[in-house]
C-alpha atoms as a PDB file:
ATOM      1  CA  MET A   1      24.254  22.731  25.041  1.00  0.00           C
ATOM      2  CA  ASP A   2      22.049  24.298  27.637  1.00  0.00           C
ATOM      3  CA  ILE A   3      18.815  22.689  28.721  1.00  0.00           C
ATOM      4  CA  GLN A   4      16.112  24.610  30.580  1.00  0.00           C
ATOM      5  CA  LYS A   5      12.850  23.116  31.952  1.00  0.00           C
ATOM      6  CA  PHE A   6       9.458  24.843  31.723  1.00  0.00           C
ATOM      7  CA  ASN A   7       5.806  24.130  32.429  1.00  0.00           C
ATOM      8  CA  PHE A   8       3.720  23.074  29.424  1.00  0.00           C
ATOM      9  CA  GLY A   9       0.412  22.725  31.262  1.00  0.00           C
ATOM     10  CA  LYS A  10      -1.812  19.799  32.132  1.00  0.00           C
ATOM     11  CA  THR A  11      -3.556  17.282  29.977  1.00  0.00           C
ATOM     12  CA  SER A  12      -7.313  16.963  29.931  1.00  0.00           C
ATOM     13  CA  GLY A  13      -6.846  14.180  32.459  1.00  0.00           C
ATOM     14  CA  GLY A  14      -4.940  16.407  34.855  1.00  0.00           C
ATOM     15  CA  GLN A  15      -1.474  15.041  34.153  1.00  0.00           C
ATOM     16  CA  ALA A  16       1.378  17.616  34.272  1.00  0.00           C
ATOM     17  CA  VAL A  17       3.453  18.067  31.089  1.00  0.00           C
ATOM     18  CA  ASP A  18       6.941  19.409  31.247  1.00  0.00           C
ATOM     19  CA  GLY A  19       8.776  21.190  28.442  1.00  0.00           C
ATOM     20  CA  PHE A  20      12.488  21.428  27.840  1.00  0.00           C
ATOM     21  CA  GLU A  21      14.350  24.001  25.696  1.00  0.00           C
ATOM     22  CA  LEU A  22      17.678  22.809  24.240  1.00  0.00           C
ATOM     23  CA  LYS A  23      20.004  25.726  23.180  1.00  0.00           C
ATOM     24  CA  ASN A  24      23.432  25.440  21.502  1.00  0.00           C
ATOM     25  CA  SER A  25      26.187  27.895  21.306  1.00  0.00           C
ATOM     26  CA  SER A  26      24.997  29.157  17.911  1.00  0.00           C
ATOM     27  CA  GLY A  27      21.670  30.238  19.394  1.00  0.00           C
ATOM     28  CA  THR A  28      19.676  27.495  17.737  1.00  0.00           C
ATOM     29  CA  THR A  29      16.852  26.146  20.044  1.00  0.00           C
ATOM     30  CA  ALA A  30      14.733  23.034  20.112  1.00  0.00           C
ATOM     31  CA  LYS A  31      11.752  22.469  22.409  1.00  0.00           C
ATOM     32  CA  ILE A  32      10.671  18.984  23.558  1.00  0.00           C
ATOM     33  CA  ILE A  33       7.761  18.091  25.738  1.00  0.00           C
ATOM     34  CA  THR A  34       6.954  14.967  27.803  1.00  0.00           C
ATOM     35  CA  TYR A  35       3.616  14.433  26.180  1.00  0.00           C
ATOM     36  CA  GLY A  36       4.638  12.040  23.378  1.00  0.00           C
ATOM     37  CA  ALA A  37       8.306  13.030  23.692  1.00  0.00           C
ATOM     38  CA  ARG A  38       7.354  15.556  20.987  1.00  0.00           C
ATOM     39  CA  LEU A  39       9.699  18.016  19.317  1.00  0.00           C
ATOM     40  CA  THR A  40       7.426  21.039  19.261  1.00  0.00           C
ATOM     41  CA  SER A  41       9.838  23.735  17.985  1.00  0.00           C
ATOM     42  CA  TRP A  42      13.214  24.004  16.307  1.00  0.00           C
ATOM     43  CA  ILE A  43      14.297  27.541  15.471  1.00  0.00           C
ATOM     44  CA  PHE A  44      17.288  27.988  13.242  1.00  0.00           C
ATOM     45  CA  ASN A  45      18.586  31.237  11.982  1.00  0.00           C
ATOM     46  CA  GLY A  46      15.322  32.800  13.109  1.00  0.00           C
ATOM     47  CA  VAL A  47      13.168  30.320  11.125  1.00  0.00           C
ATOM     48  CA  GLU A  48      10.730  27.784  12.776  1.00  0.00           C
ATOM     49  CA  VAL A  49      11.482  24.763  10.784  1.00  0.00           C
ATOM     50  CA  VAL A  50       9.056  22.144  12.335  1.00  0.00           C
ATOM     51  CA  LEU A  51       5.372  22.037  12.773  1.00  0.00           C
ATOM     52  CA  GLY A  52       4.224  22.051  16.482  1.00  0.00           C
ATOM     53  CA  TYR A  53       1.872  23.480  19.033  1.00  0.00           C
ATOM     54  CA  ASP A  54       2.633  25.747  21.978  1.00  0.00           C
ATOM     55  CA  ASN A  55      -0.049  24.398  24.260  1.00  0.00           C
ATOM     56  CA  ILE A  56      -1.143  21.043  25.496  1.00  0.00           C
ATOM     57  CA  SER A  57      -4.758  21.225  24.419  1.00  0.00           C
ATOM     58  CA  ASP A  58      -3.768  21.510  20.719  1.00  0.00           C
ATOM     59  CA  SER A  59      -1.138  18.760  21.217  1.00  0.00           C
ATOM     60  CA  GLU A  60      -3.744  16.383  22.706  1.00  0.00           C
ATOM     61  CA  ALA A  61      -6.152  17.147  19.797  1.00  0.00           C
ATOM     62  CA  ASP A  62      -3.477  16.448  17.142  1.00  0.00           C
ATOM     63  CA  THR A  63      -4.125  13.344  15.079  1.00  0.00           C
ATOM     64  CA  SER A  64      -1.131  13.604  12.806  1.00  0.00           C
ATOM     65  CA  TYR A  65       1.659  12.641  15.313  1.00  0.00           C
ATOM     66  CA  LYS A  66       3.432  16.038  14.908  1.00  0.00           C
ATOM     67  CA  GLY A  67       6.919  15.855  16.511  1.00  0.00           C
ATOM     68  CA  ALA A  68       6.099  12.673  18.420  1.00  0.00           C
ATOM     69  CA  ILE A  69       7.990   9.472  19.087  1.00  0.00           C
ATOM     70  CA  VAL A  70       5.746   6.722  17.736  1.00  0.00           C
ATOM     71  CA  GLY A  71       5.722   3.076  18.754  1.00  0.00           C
ATOM     72  CA  ARG A  72       5.884   0.351  19.769  1.00  0.00           C
ATOM     73  CA  CYS A  73       5.859  -0.244  16.060  1.00  0.00           C
ATOM     74  CA  ALA A  74       5.841   2.658  13.697  1.00  0.00           C
ATOM     75  CA  ASN A  75       3.932   2.715  10.467  1.00  0.00           C
ATOM     76  CA  ARG A  76       1.483   0.027   9.295  1.00  0.00           C
ATOM     77  CA  ILE A  77       0.985  -3.611  10.062  1.00  0.00           C
ATOM     78  CA  GLY A  78      -1.373  -5.182   7.504  1.00  0.00           C
ATOM     79  CA  GLY A  79      -4.520  -6.824   8.985  1.00  0.00           C
ATOM     80  CA  ALA A  80      -3.496  -5.627  12.417  1.00  0.00           C
ATOM     81  CA  SER A  81      -1.914  -8.986  13.178  1.00  0.00           C
ATOM     82  CA  PHE A  82       1.353 -10.966  13.156  1.00  0.00           C
ATOM     83  CA  ALA A  83       2.620 -14.397  14.042  1.00  0.00           C
ATOM     84  CA  LEU A  84       5.368 -14.849  16.664  1.00  0.00           C
ATOM     85  CA  ASN A  85       6.592 -18.029  18.315  1.00  0.00           C
ATOM     86  CA  GLY A  86       3.633 -19.987  16.977  1.00  0.00           C
ATOM     87  CA  LYS A  87       1.050 -17.521  18.224  1.00  0.00           C
ATOM     88  CA  ILE A  88      -1.074 -15.039  16.367  1.00  0.00           C
ATOM     89  CA  TYR A  89      -1.163 -11.568  17.955  1.00  0.00           C
ATOM     90  CA  LYS A  90      -4.150  -9.351  17.235  1.00  0.00           C
ATOM     91  CA  LEU A  91      -3.328  -5.641  17.304  1.00  0.00           C
ATOM     92  CA  ASP A  92      -5.485  -2.458  17.600  1.00  0.00           C
ATOM     93  CA  LYS A  93      -7.197  -1.766  14.272  1.00  0.00           C
ATOM     94  CA  ASN A  94      -6.679   2.012  14.407  1.00  0.00           C
ATOM     95  CA  ASP A  95      -6.092   2.568  10.656  1.00  0.00           C
ATOM     96  CA  GLY A  96      -9.354   2.402   8.713  1.00  0.00           C
ATOM     97  CA  GLY A  97     -10.737  -0.322  11.005  1.00  0.00           C
ATOM     98  CA  LYS A  98      -8.437  -2.843   9.343  1.00  0.00           C
ATOM     99  CA  ASN A  99      -4.765  -2.202   9.789  1.00  0.00           C
ATOM    100  CA  HIS A 100      -2.577  -1.240  12.664  1.00  0.00           C
ATOM    101  CA  LEU A 101      -0.696   2.149  12.688  1.00  0.00           C
ATOM    102  CA  HIS A 102       1.972   3.622  14.884  1.00  0.00           C
ATOM    103  CA  GLY A 103       1.359   1.467  17.978  1.00  0.00           C
ATOM    104  CA  GLY A 104      -2.409   1.595  18.217  1.00  0.00           C
ATOM    105  CA  PHE A 105      -5.057   3.586  20.070  1.00  0.00           C
ATOM    106  CA  ASN A 106      -2.692   4.305  23.025  1.00  0.00           C
ATOM    107  CA  GLY A 107       0.511   4.767  21.190  1.00  0.00           C
ATOM    108  CA  PHE A 108       3.564   6.435  22.560  1.00  0.00           C
ATOM    109  CA  GLU A 109       2.539   9.802  21.098  1.00  0.00           C
ATOM    110  CA  LYS A 110      -0.177   9.928  23.758  1.00  0.00           C
ATOM    111  CA  LYS A 111       1.855   8.948  26.783  1.00  0.00           C
ATOM    112  CA  ILE A 112       3.535  11.113  29.361  1.00  0.00           C
ATOM    113  CA  TRP A 113       7.229  10.235  29.222  1.00  0.00           C
ATOM    114  CA  SER A 114       9.599  10.744  32.208  1.00  0.00           C
ATOM    115  CA  ALA A 115      12.391  13.096  31.602  1.00  0.00           C
ATOM    116  CA  GLU A 116      16.060  13.362  32.817  1.00  0.00           C
ATOM    117  CA  ILE A 117      18.487  16.170  31.980  1.00  0.00           C
ATOM    118  CA  LEU A 118      21.923  14.594  31.086  1.00  0.00           C
ATOM    119  CA  PRO A 119      25.220  16.370  30.693  1.00  0.00           C
ATOM    120  CA  ASP A 120      24.907  15.865  26.896  1.00  0.00           C
ATOM    121  CA  GLY A 121      21.195  15.597  26.159  1.00  0.00           C
ATOM    122  CA  LEU A 122      17.681  15.088  27.285  1.00  0.00           C
ATOM    123  CA  LYS A 123      16.648  11.471  28.089  1.00  0.00           C
ATOM    124  CA  LEU A 124      12.931  10.524  27.931  1.00  0.00           C
ATOM    125  CA  SER A 125      11.620   7.180  29.018  1.00  0.00           C
ATOM    126  CA  VAL A 126       8.326   5.331  28.651  1.00  0.00           C
ATOM    127  CA  GLU A 127       6.843   1.966  29.559  1.00  0.00           C
ATOM    128  CA  SER A 128       4.138  -0.145  27.869  1.00  0.00           C
ATOM    129  CA  PRO A 129       2.623  -3.081  29.702  1.00  0.00           C
ATOM    130  CA  ASP A 130       2.236  -6.591  28.403  1.00  0.00           C
ATOM    131  CA  GLY A 131      -0.847  -6.792  26.062  1.00  0.00           C
ATOM    132  CA  GLU A 132      -1.094  -2.977  25.398  1.00  0.00           C
ATOM    133  CA  GLY A 133      -2.227  -2.481  21.793  1.00  0.00           C
ATOM    134  CA  GLY A 134      -2.099  -6.278  21.493  1.00  0.00           C
ATOM    135  CA  TYR A 135       1.675  -6.596  21.739  1.00  0.00           C
ATOM    136  CA  PRO A 136       3.412  -9.152  24.032  1.00  0.00           C
ATOM    137  CA  GLY A 137       5.905  -8.245  26.683  1.00  0.00           C
ATOM    138  CA  ASN A 138       6.458  -5.505  29.207  1.00  0.00           C
ATOM    139  CA  PHE A 139       8.311  -2.977  27.125  1.00  0.00           C
ATOM    140  CA  LYS A 140      10.604  -0.071  28.068  1.00  0.00           C
ATOM    141  CA  ALA A 141      11.940   2.541  25.689  1.00  0.00           C
ATOM    142  CA  THR A 142      14.332   5.510  26.040  1.00  0.00           C
ATOM    143  CA  VAL A 143      15.028   8.363  23.676  1.00  0.00           C
ATOM    144  CA  ILE A 144      17.858  10.880  24.007  1.00  0.00           C
ATOM    145  CA  TYR A 145      17.654  14.187  22.161  1.00  0.00           C
ATOM    146  CA  ALA A 146      20.973  16.091  21.810  1.00  0.00           C
ATOM    147  CA  LEU A 147      21.508  19.373  20.054  1.00  0.00           C
ATOM    148  CA  THR A 148      25.045  19.857  18.760  1.00  0.00           C
ATOM    149  CA  ASP A 149      26.874  23.106  18.348  1.00  0.00           C
ATOM    150  CA  ASP A 150      26.868  22.615  14.581  1.00  0.00           C
ATOM    151  CA  ASN A 151      23.053  22.364  14.635  1.00  0.00           C
ATOM    152  CA  ALA A 152      22.407  18.658  14.404  1.00  0.00           C
ATOM    153  CA  LEU A 153      19.629  17.140  16.376  1.00  0.00           C
ATOM    154  CA  GLU A 154      20.642  13.637  17.305  1.00  0.00           C
ATOM    155  CA  ILE A 155      17.948  11.222  18.385  1.00  0.00           C
ATOM    156  CA  SER A 156      19.154   7.931  20.000  1.00  0.00           C
ATOM    157  CA  TYR A 157      16.728   5.111  20.702  1.00  0.00           C
ATOM    158  CA  ALA A 158      16.911   2.084  22.967  1.00  0.00           C
ATOM    159  CA  ALA A 159      14.318  -0.444  23.856  1.00  0.00           C
ATOM    160  CA  THR A 160      14.005  -3.699  25.923  1.00  0.00           C
ATOM    161  CA  SER A 161      11.222  -6.192  26.674  1.00  0.00           C
ATOM    162  CA  ASP A 162      10.804  -9.193  28.951  1.00  0.00           C
ATOM    163  CA  ALA A 163       9.250 -11.201  26.065  1.00  0.00           C
ATOM    164  CA  ASP A 164       9.823 -11.391  22.324  1.00  0.00           C
ATOM    165  CA  THR A 165       7.837  -8.504  20.756  1.00  0.00           C
ATOM    166  CA  LEU A 166       8.032  -5.894  18.025  1.00  0.00           C
ATOM    167  CA  CYS A 167       9.937  -2.613  18.187  1.00  0.00           C
ATOM    168  CA  ASN A 168      10.183   0.079  15.488  1.00  0.00           C
ATOM    169  CA  LEU A 169      10.559   3.498  17.057  1.00  0.00           C
ATOM    170  CA  THR A 170      10.789   6.661  15.027  1.00  0.00           C
ATOM    171  CA  ASN A 171      10.248  10.360  15.234  1.00  0.00           C
ATOM    172  CA  HIS A 172       7.241  11.900  13.302  1.00  0.00           C
ATOM    173  CA  THR A 173       8.403  15.533  13.045  1.00  0.00           C
ATOM    174  CA  TYR A 174       7.086  17.539  10.052  1.00  0.00           C
ATOM    175  CA  PHE A 175       9.518  19.999   8.569  1.00  0.00           C
ATOM    176  CA  ASN A 176       8.861  23.259   6.709  1.00  0.00           C
ATOM    177  CA  LEU A 177      12.184  24.819   5.880  1.00  0.00           C
ATOM    178  CA  ASP A 178      10.510  28.025   4.682  1.00  0.00           C
ATOM    179  CA  GLY A 179       8.902  28.549   8.020  1.00  0.00           C
ATOM    180  CA  GLY A 180       5.410  28.580   6.543  1.00  0.00           C
ATOM    181  CA  SER A 181       3.115  28.123   3.552  1.00  0.00           C
ATOM    182  CA  ASP A 182       3.162  24.862   1.663  1.00  0.00           C
ATOM    183  CA  ILE A 183       6.207  22.796   0.974  1.00  0.00           C
ATOM    184  CA  LEU A 184       5.772  22.175  -2.747  1.00  0.00           C
ATOM    185  CA  GLN A 185       8.652  24.474  -3.873  1.00  0.00           C
ATOM    186  CA  GLN A 186      10.949  23.106  -1.152  1.00  0.00           C
ATOM    187  CA  LYS A 187      13.459  20.636  -2.359  1.00  0.00           C
ATOM    188  CA  ILE A 188      13.932  16.973  -1.619  1.00  0.00           C
ATOM    189  CA  GLN A 189      16.590  14.377  -2.336  1.00  0.00           C
ATOM    190  CA  ILE A 190      16.426  10.780  -1.153  1.00  0.00           C
ATOM    191  CA  PHE A 191      19.377   8.465  -1.662  1.00  0.00           C
ATOM    192  CA  ALA A 192      17.457   5.382  -2.513  1.00  0.00           C
ATOM    193  CA  ASP A 193      17.355   3.241  -5.657  1.00  0.00           C
ATOM    194  CA  ALA A 194      14.241   1.414  -4.525  1.00  0.00           C
ATOM    195  CA  TYR A 195      11.066   1.714  -2.562  1.00  0.00           C
ATOM    196  CA  THR A 196       8.574  -0.769  -1.060  1.00  0.00           C
ATOM    197  CA  TRP A 197       5.389  -0.832  -3.188  1.00  0.00           C
ATOM    198  CA  ALA A 198       2.288  -0.346  -1.081  1.00  0.00           C
ATOM    199  CA  ASN A 199      -1.463  -0.869  -1.754  1.00  0.00           C
ATOM    200  CA  ALA A 200      -4.230   1.642  -1.445  1.00  0.00           C
ATOM    201  CA  GLU A 201      -4.147   1.152   2.308  1.00  0.00           C
ATOM    202  CA  SER A 202      -0.368   2.055   2.391  1.00  0.00           C
ATOM    203  CA  VAL A 203       0.554  -1.545   3.313  1.00  0.00           C
ATOM    204  CA  PRO A 204       3.507  -3.100   1.456  1.00  0.00           C
ATOM    205  CA  ASP A 205       3.150  -6.541  -0.047  1.00  0.00           C
ATOM    206  CA  GLY A 206       6.866  -7.498  -0.103  1.00  0.00           C
ATOM    207  CA  ARG A 207       7.754  -6.032  -3.490  1.00  0.00           C
ATOM    208  CA  ILE A 208      10.843  -3.816  -3.556  1.00  0.00           C
ATOM    209  CA  LEU A 209      10.755  -1.907  -6.861  1.00  0.00           C
ATOM    210  CA  PRO A 210      13.276   0.389  -8.588  1.00  0.00           C
ATOM    211  CA  VAL A 211      12.676   4.121  -8.600  1.00  0.00           C
ATOM    212  CA  GLU A 212      14.218   4.459 -12.047  1.00  0.00           C
ATOM    213  CA  ASN A 213      11.854   5.982 -14.622  1.00  0.00           C
ATOM    214  CA  THR A 214       9.108   6.697 -12.085  1.00  0.00           C
ATOM    215  CA  PRO A 215       8.043   9.721 -10.000  1.00  0.00           C
ATOM    216  CA  MET A 216       9.557   7.915  -6.966  1.00  0.00           C
ATOM    217  CA  ASP A 217      13.097   8.694  -8.343  1.00  0.00           C
ATOM    218  CA  LEU A 218      14.189  11.410  -5.899  1.00  0.00           C
ATOM    219  CA  ARG A 219      17.881  10.717  -6.193  1.00  0.00           C
ATOM    220  CA  LYS A 220      18.557  14.225  -7.640  1.00  0.00           C
ATOM    221  CA  LEU A 221      17.446  17.244  -5.777  1.00  0.00           C
ATOM    222  CA  GLN A 222      14.078  18.463  -6.996  1.00  0.00           C
ATOM    223  CA  ALA A 223      11.071  20.432  -5.899  1.00  0.00           C
ATOM    224  CA  ILE A 224       8.656  18.365  -3.761  1.00  0.00           C
ATOM    225  CA  GLY A 225       5.870  19.467  -5.981  1.00  0.00           C
ATOM    226  CA  GLU A 226       7.490  18.587  -9.307  1.00  0.00           C
ATOM    227  CA  HIS A 227       5.918  15.117  -9.657  1.00  0.00           C
ATOM    228  CA  ILE A 228       3.733  14.844  -6.564  1.00  0.00           C
ATOM    229  CA  ASP A 229       0.465  14.754  -8.537  1.00  0.00           C
ATOM    230  CA  ASP A 230       1.645  12.627 -11.353  1.00  0.00           C
ATOM    231  CA  ASP A 231      -0.761   9.934 -12.554  1.00  0.00           C
ATOM    232  CA  PHE A 232       1.127   7.000 -10.936  1.00  0.00           C
ATOM    233  CA  ASP A 233      -0.460   4.296  -8.848  1.00  0.00           C
ATOM    234  CA  GLN A 234       1.612   4.924  -5.751  1.00  0.00           C
ATOM    235  CA  LEU A 235       0.920   8.683  -5.789  1.00  0.00           C
ATOM    236  CA  ASN A 236      -2.810   8.106  -6.569  1.00  0.00           C
ATOM    237  CA  PHE A 237      -3.067   5.749  -3.521  1.00  0.00           C
ATOM    238  CA  GLY A 238      -1.384   8.198  -1.171  1.00  0.00           C
ATOM    239  CA  ARG A 239      -2.595  11.491  -2.603  1.00  0.00           C
ATOM    240  CA  GLY A 240       1.067  12.211  -3.110  1.00  0.00           C
ATOM    241  CA  TYR A 241       4.241  10.976  -1.511  1.00  0.00           C
ATOM    242  CA  ASP A 242       3.730   8.800   1.562  1.00  0.00           C
ATOM    243  CA  HIS A 243       6.213   5.973   0.915  1.00  0.00           C
ATOM    244  CA  ASN A 244       9.065   4.030   2.428  1.00  0.00           C
ATOM    245  CA  PHE A 245      12.337   4.176   0.553  1.00  0.00           C
ATOM    246  CA  CYS A 246      15.037   1.614   0.883  1.00  0.00           C
ATOM    247  CA  VAL A 247      18.060   3.636   2.118  1.00  0.00           C
ATOM    248  CA  GLY A 248      20.623   1.047   3.119  1.00  0.00           C
ATOM    249  CA  LYS A 249      21.927  -1.485   5.501  1.00  0.00           C
ATOM    250  CA  LEU A 250      20.424  -1.846   8.979  1.00  0.00           C
ATOM    251  CA  GLY A 251      22.851  -0.720  11.755  1.00  0.00           C
ATOM    252  CA  GLU A 252      25.056   1.310   9.404  1.00  0.00           C
ATOM    253  CA  MET A 253      24.994   5.132   9.776  1.00  0.00           C
ATOM    254  CA  LYS A 254      24.556   6.739   6.348  1.00  0.00           C
ATOM    255  CA  LYS A 255      23.238   9.887   4.802  1.00  0.00           C
ATOM    256  CA  VAL A 256      19.766   9.083   3.421  1.00  0.00           C
ATOM    257  CA  ALA A 257      18.144  12.373   2.530  1.00  0.00           C
ATOM    258  CA  ARG A 258      18.576  16.067   1.891  1.00  0.00           C
ATOM    259  CA  ALA A 259      16.028  18.857   1.813  1.00  0.00           C
ATOM    260  CA  GLU A 260      16.285  22.553   1.154  1.00  0.00           C
ATOM    261  CA  SER A 261      14.097  25.651   1.652  1.00  0.00           C
ATOM    262  CA  SER A 262      12.618  27.052  -1.574  1.00  0.00           C
ATOM    263  CA  ASP A 263      15.402  29.748  -1.611  1.00  0.00           C
ATOM    264  CA  SER A 264      18.080  27.225  -0.594  1.00  0.00           C
ATOM    265  CA  LYS A 265      19.140  29.326   2.382  1.00  0.00           C
ATOM    266  CA  ILE A 266      18.411  26.391   4.758  1.00  0.00           C
ATOM    267  CA  ALA A 267      19.469  22.801   4.104  1.00  0.00           C
ATOM    268  CA  LEU A 268      18.485  19.680   6.067  1.00  0.00           C
ATOM    269  CA  GLU A 269      20.473  16.434   5.889  1.00  0.00           C
ATOM    270  CA  VAL A 270      19.262  13.131   7.390  1.00  0.00           C
ATOM    271  CA  PHE A 271      21.486  10.360   8.653  1.00  0.00           C
ATOM    272  CA  THR A 272      20.286   7.035  10.143  1.00  0.00           C
ATOM    273  CA  THR A 273      21.138   3.495  11.153  1.00  0.00           C
ATOM    274  CA  GLN A 274      17.757   2.324   9.977  1.00  0.00           C
ATOM    275  CA  PRO A 275      17.073   0.598   6.589  1.00  0.00           C
ATOM    276  CA  GLY A 276      14.017   2.610   5.645  1.00  0.00           C
ATOM    277  CA  LEU A 277      12.831   6.170   5.358  1.00  0.00           C
ATOM    278  CA  GLN A 278       9.197   7.159   5.094  1.00  0.00           C
ATOM    279  CA  PHE A 279       8.862  10.357   3.082  1.00  0.00           C
ATOM    280  CA  TYR A 280       5.424  11.869   3.695  1.00  0.00           C
ATOM    281  CA  ALA A 281       4.461  15.198   2.143  1.00  0.00           C
ATOM    282  CA  GLY A 282       1.575  15.999   4.529  1.00  0.00           C
ATOM    283  CA  ASN A 283      -1.120  15.153   2.033  1.00  0.00           C
ATOM    284  CA  TRP A 284      -3.718  14.548   4.701  1.00  0.00           C
ATOM    285  CA  LEU A 285      -2.857  17.377   7.172  1.00  0.00           C
ATOM    286  CA  ASP A 286      -5.944  19.324   7.923  1.00  0.00           C
ATOM    287  CA  ASP A 287      -6.418  21.258  11.211  1.00  0.00           C
ATOM    288  CA  LYS A 288      -6.907  24.827  12.273  1.00  0.00           C
ATOM    289  CA  LYS A 289      -3.135  25.586  12.235  1.00  0.00           C
ATOM    290  CA  PHE A 290      -1.615  23.321   9.606  1.00  0.00           C
ATOM    291  CA  GLY A 291      -3.268  22.461   6.335  1.00  0.00           C
ATOM    292  CA  LYS A 292      -2.504  20.068   3.469  1.00  0.00           C
ATOM    293  CA  ARG A 293       1.224  19.870   2.508  1.00  0.00           C
ATOM    294  CA  THR A 294       2.377  22.462   4.995  1.00  0.00           C
ATOM    295  CA  GLY A 295       5.005  20.067   6.298  1.00  0.00           C
ATOM    296  CA  PHE A 296       6.959  16.947   5.254  1.00  0.00           C
ATOM    297  CA  ALA A 297       8.125  14.059   7.344  1.00  0.00           C
ATOM    298  CA  LEU A 298      11.282  11.968   7.052  1.00  0.00           C
ATOM    299  CA  GLU A 299      10.768   8.983   9.322  1.00  0.00           C
ATOM    300  CA  ALA A 300      13.682   6.585   9.735  1.00  0.00           C
ATOM    301  CA  GLN A 301      12.366   3.083  10.303  1.00  0.00           C
ATOM    302  CA  PHE A 302      12.101  -0.604   9.513  1.00  0.00           C
ATOM    303  CA  TYR A 303      10.008  -1.151   6.411  1.00  0.00           C
ATOM    304  CA  PRO A 304       6.217  -0.999   7.048  1.00  0.00           C
ATOM    305  CA  ASN A 305       4.579  -4.426   7.627  1.00  0.00           C
ATOM    306  CA  ALA A 306       8.027  -6.009   7.943  1.00  0.00           C
ATOM    307  CA  ILE A 307       7.041  -8.517  10.555  1.00  0.00           C
ATOM    308  CA  ASN A 308       4.703 -10.145   8.037  1.00  0.00           C
ATOM    309  CA  LEU A 309       7.124 -10.117   5.065  1.00  0.00           C
ATOM    310  CA  PRO A 310      10.200 -12.315   5.437  1.00  0.00           C
ATOM    311  CA  ALA A 311      12.190 -10.493   2.795  1.00  0.00           C
ATOM    312  CA  PHE A 312      12.366  -7.371   4.982  1.00  0.00           C
ATOM    313  CA  ASP A 313      14.595  -6.795   7.956  1.00  0.00           C
ATOM    314  CA  THR A 314      12.579  -7.772  10.953  1.00  0.00           C
ATOM    315  CA  PRO A 315      11.559  -5.325  13.713  1.00  0.00           C
ATOM    316  CA  LEU A 316      11.623  -8.336  16.184  1.00  0.00           C
ATOM    317  CA  LEU A 317      12.925  -7.427  19.647  1.00  0.00           C
ATOM    318  CA  LYS A 318      14.087 -10.569  21.522  1.00  0.00           C
ATOM    319  CA  ALA A 319      13.386 -10.954  25.177  1.00  0.00           C
ATOM    320  CA  ASN A 320      15.985  -9.229  27.442  1.00  0.00           C
ATOM    321  CA  GLU A 321      17.936  -7.885  24.543  1.00  0.00           C
ATOM    322  CA  THR A 322      18.293  -4.222  23.684  1.00  0.00           C
ATOM    323  CA  GLN A 323      17.457  -2.763  20.270  1.00  0.00           C
ATOM    324  CA  ARG A 324      19.305   0.518  19.547  1.00  0.00           C
ATOM    325  CA  SER A 325      19.153   2.957  16.644  1.00  0.00           C
ATOM    326  CA  LYS A 326      20.061   6.560  15.868  1.00  0.00           C
ATOM    327  CA  THR A 327      18.855   9.201  13.541  1.00  0.00           C
ATOM    328  CA  VAL A 328      20.446  12.642  12.989  1.00  0.00           C
ATOM    329  CA  TYR A 329      18.698  15.698  11.489  1.00  0.00           C
ATOM    330  CA  HIS A 330      21.444  18.306  10.547  1.00  0.00           C
ATOM    331  CA  LEU A 331      20.569  21.778   9.601  1.00  0.00           C
ATOM    332  CA  TRP A 332      22.871  23.993   7.478  1.00  0.00           C
ATOM    333  CA  PRO A 333      22.571  27.750   6.839  1.00  0.00           C
ATOM    334  CA  LYS A 334      23.570  27.477   3.196  1.00  0.00           C
ATOM    335  CA  LEU A 335      24.380  24.898   0.543  1.00  0.00           C
ATOM    336  CA  CYS A 336      27.201  22.578   1.578  1.00  0.00           C
END
């Protein structure tokens, strides 16, 4: 893997943003910038398979987290509050003025990460001071991107804090395996027997329901658009798929999803050590470059609102301990 640094411009506040191009022996390239540690491009067999911007002004204007690392705590926390060690913590209400989403108003997608080129990857680091977004503890996170010669993009996460806090880091890349147009004829398969029911605000209440005999059953490869507009409460709430699927044991690496281009010439497989996978079909995308359902996200994570629901694996990060996780997105040129 070869890594080359380039200039990505300056933010509206005058901060310099660096870009890095990762290239493997197959000619596949991935571009990552220090603004939000974002994956802005991934070109495979001549096809741009992710949604991203080629300038910092559009990246700053983005409200859909395209390609970004989100945290401290990805997804939603109901009521924007949680209890920890006998204290109630109030978080930013940046989701409809009621709930907390992806770390708050100054989440990691807006930060300038420091970067270091390693022999086997690109390491990005960020810090969040005690109280930012309402979270306790001085928090440090690192993410390492590595592009293998067989076209897997490996994302390794590590985080520490000097006080008990929450940590649920994920990558919010949107994929379009056709390289353009909508994603409805592209195919999806998620290896999950259950999902977490969520209300109209996309906040789970603790129920884990079977996918059997519902439009949430994606265990067999099918077109994303096959059931996306079915009359079903979960799809009505989210205007389509925007749900967390229960994909397996925390800490165990497993294959959790597969997607294919509409002509099946490109396949994507997802592996993770996380217990949940948020499948979002881009139902709310709407900007000058990317419209509704022009990309889908597969975000490996703890379950949403897990800190408030004892039945779910907790995203609690204990003081002076390290939380680690890994997610791999593997592209294939044909069915495998």
